[in-house]
PDB file of N, CA and C in Angstrom:
ATOM      1  N   CYS A   1      88.933  89.309 100.769  1.00  0.00           N
ATOM      2  CA  CYS A   1      90.326  88.999 100.475  1.00  0.00           C
ATOM      3  C   CYS A   1      91.272  89.903 101.260  1.00  0.00           C
ATOM      4  N   VAL A   2      90.936  91.177 101.336  1.00  0.00           N
ATOM      5  CA  VAL A   2      91.797  92.108 102.067  1.00  0.00           C
ATOM      6  C   VAL A   2      91.826  91.739 103.544  1.00  0.00           C
ATOM      7  N   SER A   3      90.680  91.368 104.085  1.00  0.00           N
ATOM      8  CA  SER A   3      90.637  91.028 105.511  1.00  0.00           C
ATOM      9  C   SER A   3      91.456  89.775 105.821  1.00  0.00           C
ATOM     10  N   VAL A   4      91.472  88.818 104.906  1.00  0.00           N
ATOM     11  CA  VAL A   4      92.266  87.606 105.111  1.00  0.00           C
ATOM     12  C   VAL A   4      93.748  87.958 105.125  1.00  0.00           C
ATOM     13  N   THR A   5      94.165  88.777 104.168  1.00  0.00           N
ATOM     14  CA  THR A   5      95.568  89.185 104.093  1.00  0.00           C
ATOM     15  C   THR A   5      95.982  89.946 105.343  1.00  0.00           C
ATOM     16  N   LEU A   6      95.138  90.860 105.786  1.00  0.00           N
ATOM     17  CA  LEU A   6      95.458  91.621 106.997  1.00  0.00           C
ATOM     18  C   LEU A   6      95.472  90.735 108.237  1.00  0.00           C
ATOM     19  N   SER A   7      94.615  89.731 108.276  1.00  0.00           N
ATOM     20  CA  SER A   7      94.632  88.841 109.444  1.00  0.00           C
ATOM     21  C   SER A   7      95.917  88.024 109.485  1.00  0.00           C
ATOM     22  N   TYR A   8      96.410  87.570 108.326  1.00  0.00           N
ATOM     23  CA  TYR A   8      97.704  86.870 108.292  1.00  0.00           C
ATOM     24  C   TYR A   8      98.826  87.795 108.742  1.00  0.00           C
ATOM     25  N   SER A   9      98.769  89.044 108.310  1.00  0.00           N
ATOM     26  CA  SER A   9      99.790  90.011 108.708  1.00  0.00           C
ATOM     27  C   SER A   9      99.763  90.232 110.217  1.00  0.00           C
ATOM     28  N   ALA A  10      98.567  90.360 110.771  1.00  0.00           N
ATOM     29  CA  ALA A  10      98.436  90.565 112.216  1.00  0.00           C
ATOM     30  C   ALA A  10      98.933  89.350 112.991  1.00  0.00           C
ATOM     31  N   ILE A  11      98.608  88.160 112.503  1.00  0.00           N
ATOM     32  CA  ILE A  11      99.077  86.942 113.170  1.00  0.00           C
ATOM     33  C   ILE A  11     100.595  86.880 113.148  1.00  0.00           C
ATOM     34  N   TYR A  12     101.200  87.221 112.016  1.00  0.00           N
ATOM     35  CA  TYR A  12     102.663  87.217 111.917  1.00  0.00           C
ATOM     36  C   TYR A  12     103.274  88.206 112.910  1.00  0.00           C
ATOM     37  N   GLU A  13     102.693  89.392 113.005  1.00  0.00           N
ATOM     38  CA  GLU A  13     103.208  90.392 113.946  1.00  0.00           C
ATOM     39  C   GLU A  13     103.073  89.901 115.384  1.00  0.00           C
ATOM     40  N   LEU A  14     101.981  89.214 115.702  1.00  0.00           N
ATOM     41  CA  LEU A  14     101.810  88.656 117.047  1.00  0.00           C
ATOM     42  C   LEU A  14     102.825  87.551 117.324  1.00  0.00           C
ATOM     43  N   ILE A  15     103.126  86.745 116.307  1.00  0.00           N
ATOM     44  CA  ILE A  15     104.144  85.700 116.471  1.00  0.00           C
ATOM     45  C   ILE A  15     105.506  86.332 116.717  1.00  0.00           C
ATOM     46  N   GLU A  16     105.837  87.382 115.975  1.00  0.00           N
ATOM     47  CA  GLU A  16     107.106  88.093 116.202  1.00  0.00           C
ATOM     48  C   GLU A  16     107.194  88.586 117.640  1.00  0.00           C
ATOM     49  N   TRP A  17     106.108  89.189 118.110  1.00  0.00           N
ATOM     50  CA  TRP A  17     106.089  89.717 119.478  1.00  0.00           C
ATOM     51  C   TRP A  17     106.257  88.583 120.492  1.00  0.00           C
ATOM     52  N   ALA A  18     105.527  87.476 120.285  1.00  0.00           N
ATOM     53  CA  ALA A  18     105.587  86.360 121.229  1.00  0.00           C
ATOM     54  C   ALA A  18     106.987  85.752 121.282  1.00  0.00           C
ATOM     55  N   VAL A  19     107.629  85.593 120.139  1.00  0.00           N
ATOM     56  CA  VAL A  19     108.983  85.037 120.110  1.00  0.00           C
ATOM     57  C   VAL A  19     109.949  85.962 120.830  1.00  0.00           C
ATOM     58  N   ALA A  20     109.797  87.259 120.613  1.00  0.00           N
ATOM     59  CA  ALA A  20     110.665  88.219 121.298  1.00  0.00           C
ATOM     60  C   ALA A  20     110.474  88.138 122.809  1.00  0.00           C
ATOM     61  N   GLU A  21     109.237  87.967 123.241  1.00  0.00           N
ATOM     62  CA  GLU A  21     108.959  87.860 124.675  1.00  0.00           C
ATOM     63  C   GLU A  21     109.476  86.538 125.251  1.00  0.00           C
ATOM     64  N   LEU A  22     109.269  85.452 124.537  1.00  0.00           N
ATOM     65  CA  LEU A  22     109.643  84.131 125.040  1.00  0.00           C
ATOM     66  C   LEU A  22     111.146  83.895 125.051  1.00  0.00           C
ATOM     67  N   THR A  23     111.859  84.489 124.126  1.00  0.00           N
ATOM     68  CA  THR A  23     113.307  84.276 124.076  1.00  0.00           C
ATOM     69  C   THR A  23     114.040  85.150 125.076  1.00  0.00           C
ATOM     70  N   GLY A  24     113.356  86.130 125.628  1.00  0.00           N
ATOM     71  CA  GLY A  24     113.977  87.000 126.615  1.00  0.00           C
ATOM     72  C   GLY A  24     114.889  88.055 126.019  1.00  0.00           C
ATOM     73  N   GLU A  25     114.981  88.078 124.705  1.00  0.00           N
ATOM     74  CA  GLU A  25     115.803  89.098 124.064  1.00  0.00           C
ATOM     75  C   GLU A  25     115.049  90.418 124.055  1.00  0.00           C
ATOM     76  N   SER A  26     115.786  91.463 123.844  1.00  0.00           N
ATOM     77  CA  SER A  26     115.136  92.747 123.641  1.00  0.00           C
ATOM     78  C   SER A  26     114.303  92.645 122.371  1.00  0.00           C
ATOM     79  N   ALA A  27     113.067  93.066 122.441  1.00  0.00           N
ATOM     80  CA  ALA A  27     112.188  92.978 121.276  1.00  0.00           C
ATOM     81  C   ALA A  27     112.773  93.736 120.093  1.00  0.00           C
ATOM     82  N   ASP A  28     113.368  94.890 120.344  1.00  0.00           N
ATOM     83  CA  ASP A  28     113.961  95.660 119.246  1.00  0.00           C
ATOM     84  C   ASP A  28     115.107  94.904 118.596  1.00  0.00           C
ATOM     85  N   ALA A  29     115.916  94.220 119.402  1.00  0.00           N
ATOM     86  CA  ALA A  29     117.044  93.467 118.846  1.00  0.00           C
ATOM     87  C   ALA A  29     116.547  92.289 118.015  1.00  0.00           C
ATOM     88  N   PHE A  30     115.524  91.604 118.501  1.00  0.00           N
ATOM     89  CA  PHE A  30     115.003  90.445 117.774  1.00  0.00           C
ATOM     90  C   PHE A  30     114.292  90.855 116.490  1.00  0.00           C
ATOM     91  N   LEU A  31     113.458  91.866 116.593  1.00  0.00           N
ATOM     92  CA  LEU A  31     112.634  92.246 115.455  1.00  0.00           C
ATOM     93  C   LEU A  31     113.382  93.071 114.419  1.00  0.00           C
ATOM     94  N   GLY A  32     114.486  93.656 114.804  1.00  0.00           N
ATOM     95  CA  GLY A  32     115.243  94.464 113.859  1.00  0.00           C
ATOM     96  C   GLY A  32     114.526  95.742 113.468  1.00  0.00           C
ATOM     97  N   THR A  33     113.785  96.320 114.405  1.00  0.00           N
ATOM     98  CA  THR A  33     113.038  97.534 114.087  1.00  0.00           C
ATOM     99  C   THR A  33     113.937  98.746 113.962  1.00  0.00           C
ATOM    100  N   GLN A  34     115.156  98.639 114.418  1.00  0.00           N
ATOM    101  CA  GLN A  34     116.144  99.715 114.330  1.00  0.00           C
ATOM    102  C   GLN A  34     115.620 101.006 114.954  1.00  0.00           C
ATOM    103  N   GLY A  35     114.880 100.849 116.045  1.00  0.00           N
ATOM    104  CA  GLY A  35     114.383 102.005 116.771  1.00  0.00           C
ATOM    105  C   GLY A  35     113.122 102.624 116.189  1.00  0.00           C
ATOM    106  N   TYR A  36     112.574 102.038 115.154  1.00  0.00           N
ATOM    107  CA  TYR A  36     111.373 102.579 114.511  1.00  0.00           C
ATOM    108  C   TYR A  36     110.149 102.020 115.227  1.00  0.00           C
ATOM    109  N   ILE A  37     109.496 102.870 116.029  1.00  0.00           N
ATOM    110  CA  ILE A  37     108.408 102.380 116.881  1.00  0.00           C
ATOM    111  C   ILE A  37     107.148 102.006 116.096  1.00  0.00           C
ATOM    112  N   TRP A  38     107.022 102.458 114.879  1.00  0.00           N
ATOM    113  CA  TRP A  38     105.833 102.184 114.082  1.00  0.00           C
ATOM    114  C   TRP A  38     106.054 101.035 113.095  1.00  0.00           C
ATOM    115  N   ASP A  39     107.040 100.179 113.360  1.00  0.00           N
ATOM    116  CA  ASP A  39     107.376  99.094 112.433  1.00  0.00           C
ATOM    117  C   ASP A  39     106.190  98.170 112.169  1.00  0.00           C
ATOM    118  N   THR A  40     105.521  97.736 113.210  1.00  0.00           N
ATOM    119  CA  THR A  40     104.376  96.831 113.049  1.00  0.00           C
ATOM    120  C   THR A  40     103.266  97.491 112.250  1.00  0.00           C
ATOM    121  N   GLN A  41     102.972  98.736 112.586  1.00  0.00           N
ATOM    122  CA  GLN A  41     101.902  99.442 111.890  1.00  0.00           C
ATOM    123  C   GLN A  41     102.248  99.674 110.422  1.00  0.00           C
ATOM    124  N   SER A  42     103.507 100.020 110.145  1.00  0.00           N
ATOM    125  CA  SER A  42     103.883 100.249 108.747  1.00  0.00           C
ATOM    126  C   SER A  42     103.878  98.941 107.962  1.00  0.00           C
ATOM    127  N   ASP A  43     104.267  97.831 108.605  1.00  0.00           N
ATOM    128  CA  ASP A  43     104.193  96.527 107.935  1.00  0.00           C
ATOM    129  C   ASP A  43     102.751  96.196 107.560  1.00  0.00           C
ATOM    130  N   MET A  44     101.842  96.424 108.487  1.00  0.00           N
ATOM    131  CA  MET A  44     100.443  96.109 108.219  1.00  0.00           C
ATOM    132  C   MET A  44      99.835  97.073 107.201  1.00  0.00           C
ATOM    133  N   PHE A  45     100.279  98.326 107.205  1.00  0.00           N
ATOM    134  CA  PHE A  45      99.803  99.284 106.207  1.00  0.00           C
ATOM    135  C   PHE A  45     100.271  98.871 104.811  1.00  0.00           C
ATOM    136  N   CYS A  46     101.526  98.438 104.705  1.00  0.00           N
ATOM    137  CA  CYS A  46     102.038  97.954 103.414  1.00  0.00           C
ATOM    138  C   CYS A  46     101.256  96.729 102.949  1.00  0.00           C
ATOM    139  N   CYS A  47     100.880  95.873 103.876  1.00  0.00           N
ATOM    140  CA  CYS A  47     100.055  94.712 103.554  1.00  0.00           C
ATOM    141  C   CYS A  47      98.691  95.160 103.021  1.00  0.00           C
ATOM    142  N   LEU A  48      98.102  96.149 103.661  1.00  0.00           N
ATOM    143  CA  LEU A  48      96.815  96.682 103.220  1.00  0.00           C
ATOM    144  C   LEU A  48      96.912  97.242 101.809  1.00  0.00           C
ATOM    145  N   ILE A  49      97.917  98.074 101.563  1.00  0.00           N
ATOM    146  CA  ILE A  49      98.095  98.676 100.241  1.00  0.00           C
ATOM    147  C   ILE A  49      98.344  97.588  99.194  1.00  0.00           C
ATOM    148  N   GLY A  50      99.190  96.623  99.518  1.00  0.00           N
ATOM    149  CA  GLY A  50      99.483  95.544  98.577  1.00  0.00           C
ATOM    150  C   GLY A  50      98.267  94.704  98.241  1.00  0.00           C
ATOM    151  N   SER A  51      97.454  94.400  99.240  1.00  0.00           N
ATOM    152  CA  SER A  51      96.271  93.576  98.976  1.00  0.00           C
ATOM    153  C   SER A  51      95.228  94.341  98.163  1.00  0.00           C
ATOM    154  N   ILE A  52      95.078  95.627  98.425  1.00  0.00           N
ATOM    155  CA  ILE A  52      94.139  96.430  97.635  1.00  0.00           C
ATOM    156  C   ILE A  52      94.631  96.554  96.196  1.00  0.00           C
ATOM    157  N   LEU A  53      95.921  96.829  96.015  1.00  0.00           N
ATOM    158  CA  LEU A  53      96.476  96.917  94.659  1.00  0.00           C
ATOM    159  C   LEU A  53      96.329  95.595  93.915  1.00  0.00           C
ATOM    160  N   SER A  54      96.554  94.500  94.605  1.00  0.00           N
ATOM    161  CA  SER A  54      96.400  93.187  93.971  1.00  0.00           C
ATOM    162  C   SER A  54      94.967  92.973  93.504  1.00  0.00           C
ATOM    163  N   LEU A  55      94.007  93.339  94.338  1.00  0.00           N
ATOM    164  CA  LEU A  55      92.609  93.197  93.937  1.00  0.00           C
ATOM    165  C   LEU A  55      92.288  94.060  92.725  1.00  0.00           C
ATOM    166  N   VAL A  56      92.755  95.299  92.745  1.00  0.00           N
ATOM    167  CA  VAL A  56      92.456  96.223  91.654  1.00  0.00           C
ATOM    168  C   VAL A  56      93.137  95.782  90.358  1.00  0.00           C
ATOM    169  N   LEU A  57      94.410  95.404  90.443  1.00  0.00           N
ATOM    170  CA  LEU A  57      95.188  95.120  89.240  1.00  0.00           C
ATOM    171  C   LEU A  57      95.001  93.706  88.692  1.00  0.00           C
ATOM    172  N   LEU A  58      94.654  92.749  89.531  1.00  0.00           N
ATOM    173  CA  LEU A  58      94.620  91.357  89.092  1.00  0.00           C
ATOM    174  C   LEU A  58      93.225  90.753  88.967  1.00  0.00           C
ATOM    175  N   THR A  59      92.191  91.509  89.290  1.00  0.00           N
ATOM    176  CA  THR A  59      90.830  90.972  89.240  1.00  0.00           C
ATOM    177  C   THR A  59      90.461  90.511  87.836  1.00  0.00           C
ATOM    178  N   ASN A  60      90.731  91.345  86.831  1.00  0.00           N
ATOM    179  CA  ASN A  60      90.366  90.974  85.460  1.00  0.00           C
ATOM    180  C   ASN A  60      91.122  89.739  84.989  1.00  0.00           C
ATOM    181  N   LEU A  61      92.397  89.660  85.287  1.00  0.00           N
ATOM    182  CA  LEU A  61      93.194  88.491  84.911  1.00  0.00           C
ATOM    183  C   LEU A  61      92.650  87.223  85.575  1.00  0.00           C
ATOM    184  N   HIS A  62      92.295  87.338  86.833  1.00  0.00           N
ATOM    185  CA  HIS A  62      91.728  86.203  87.568  1.00  0.00           C
ATOM    186  C   HIS A  62      90.406  85.755  86.953  1.00  0.00           C
ATOM    187  N   ASP A  63      89.549  86.726  86.640  1.00  0.00           N
ATOM    188  CA  ASP A  63      88.253  86.395  86.050  1.00  0.00           C
ATOM    189  C   ASP A  63      88.411  85.724  84.686  1.00  0.00           C
ATOM    190  N   LYS A  64      89.351  86.206  83.869  1.00  0.00           N
ATOM    191  CA  LYS A  64      89.605  85.587  82.564  1.00  0.00           C
ATOM    192  C   LYS A  64      90.076  84.148  82.730  1.00  0.00           C
ATOM    193  N   SER A  65      90.942  83.923  83.686  1.00  0.00           N
ATOM    194  CA  SER A  65      91.433  82.566  83.932  1.00  0.00           C
ATOM    195  C   SER A  65      90.300  81.644  84.363  1.00  0.00           C
ATOM    196  N   LEU A  66      89.425  82.139  85.219  1.00  0.00           N
ATOM    197  CA  LEU A  66      88.284  81.328  85.657  1.00  0.00           C
ATOM    198  C   LEU A  66      87.351  81.006  84.499  1.00  0.00           C
ATOM    199  N   ARG A  67      87.126  81.982  83.612  1.00  0.00           N
ATOM    200  CA  ARG A  67      86.277  81.733  82.449  1.00  0.00           C
ATOM    201  C   ARG A  67      86.887  80.664  81.547  1.00  0.00           C
ATOM    202  N   ARG A  68      88.211  80.720  81.371  1.00  0.00           N
ATOM    203  CA  ARG A  68      88.895  79.720  80.555  1.00  0.00           C
ATOM    204  C   ARG A  68      88.742  78.320  81.155  1.00  0.00           C
ATOM    205  N   VAL A  69      88.878  78.230  82.457  1.00  0.00           N
ATOM    206  CA  VAL A  69      88.719  76.936  83.131  1.00  0.00           C
ATOM    207  C   VAL A  69      87.291  76.422  82.958  1.00  0.00           C
ATOM    208  N   GLU A  70      86.316  77.296  83.105  1.00  0.00           N
ATOM    209  CA  GLU A  70      84.915  76.895  82.938  1.00  0.00           C
ATOM    210  C   GLU A  70      84.653  76.402  81.522  1.00  0.00           C
ATOM    211  N   GLN A  71      85.234  77.084  80.530  1.00  0.00           N
ATOM    212  CA  GLN A  71      85.060  76.661  79.139  1.00  0.00           C
ATOM    213  C   GLN A  71      85.701  75.300  78.898  1.00  0.00           C
ATOM    214  N   MET A  72      86.854  75.071  79.478  1.00  0.00           N
ATOM    215  CA  MET A  72      87.526  73.780  79.317  1.00  0.00           C
ATOM    216  C   MET A  72      86.718  72.662  79.961  1.00  0.00           C
ATOM    217  N   GLU A  73      86.100  72.950  81.104  1.00  0.00           N
ATOM    218  CA  GLU A  73      85.283  71.944  81.784  1.00  0.00           C
ATOM    219  C   GLU A  73      84.027  71.613  80.982  1.00  0.00           C
ATOM    220  N   LYS A  74      83.457  72.618  80.319  1.00  0.00           N
ATOM    221  CA  LYS A  74      82.263  72.382  79.506  1.00  0.00           C
ATOM    222  C   LYS A  74      82.590  71.508  78.300  1.00  0.00           C
ATOM    223  N   LYS A  75      83.787  71.666  77.750  1.00  0.00           N
ATOM    224  CA  LYS A  75      84.198  70.864  76.592  1.00  0.00           C
ATOM    225  C   LYS A  75      84.398  69.404  76.976  1.00  0.00           C
ATOM    226  N   ASN A  76      84.798  69.168  78.188  1.00  0.00           N
ATOM    227  CA  ASN A  76      85.058  67.785  78.632  1.00  0.00           C
ATOM    228  C   ASN A  76      83.815  67.173  79.098  1.00  0.00           C
TER     229      ASN A  76
END
């Protein structure tokens, strides 16, 4: 799950870069990095932290929901 989330984040960052290159605008002006050279890396780090927190905090809730669905299917 974490790898999927990070791959989407990386694809988005590549799309941002490609649009900045194709439009001919300054990449900083298009991306709004405000001079922060580590913008892409910090975005992807936040994605990593968010996906790990989601796995840790929501796993039990997800499992309970799946068990409920399985029980409902058995009744039908």
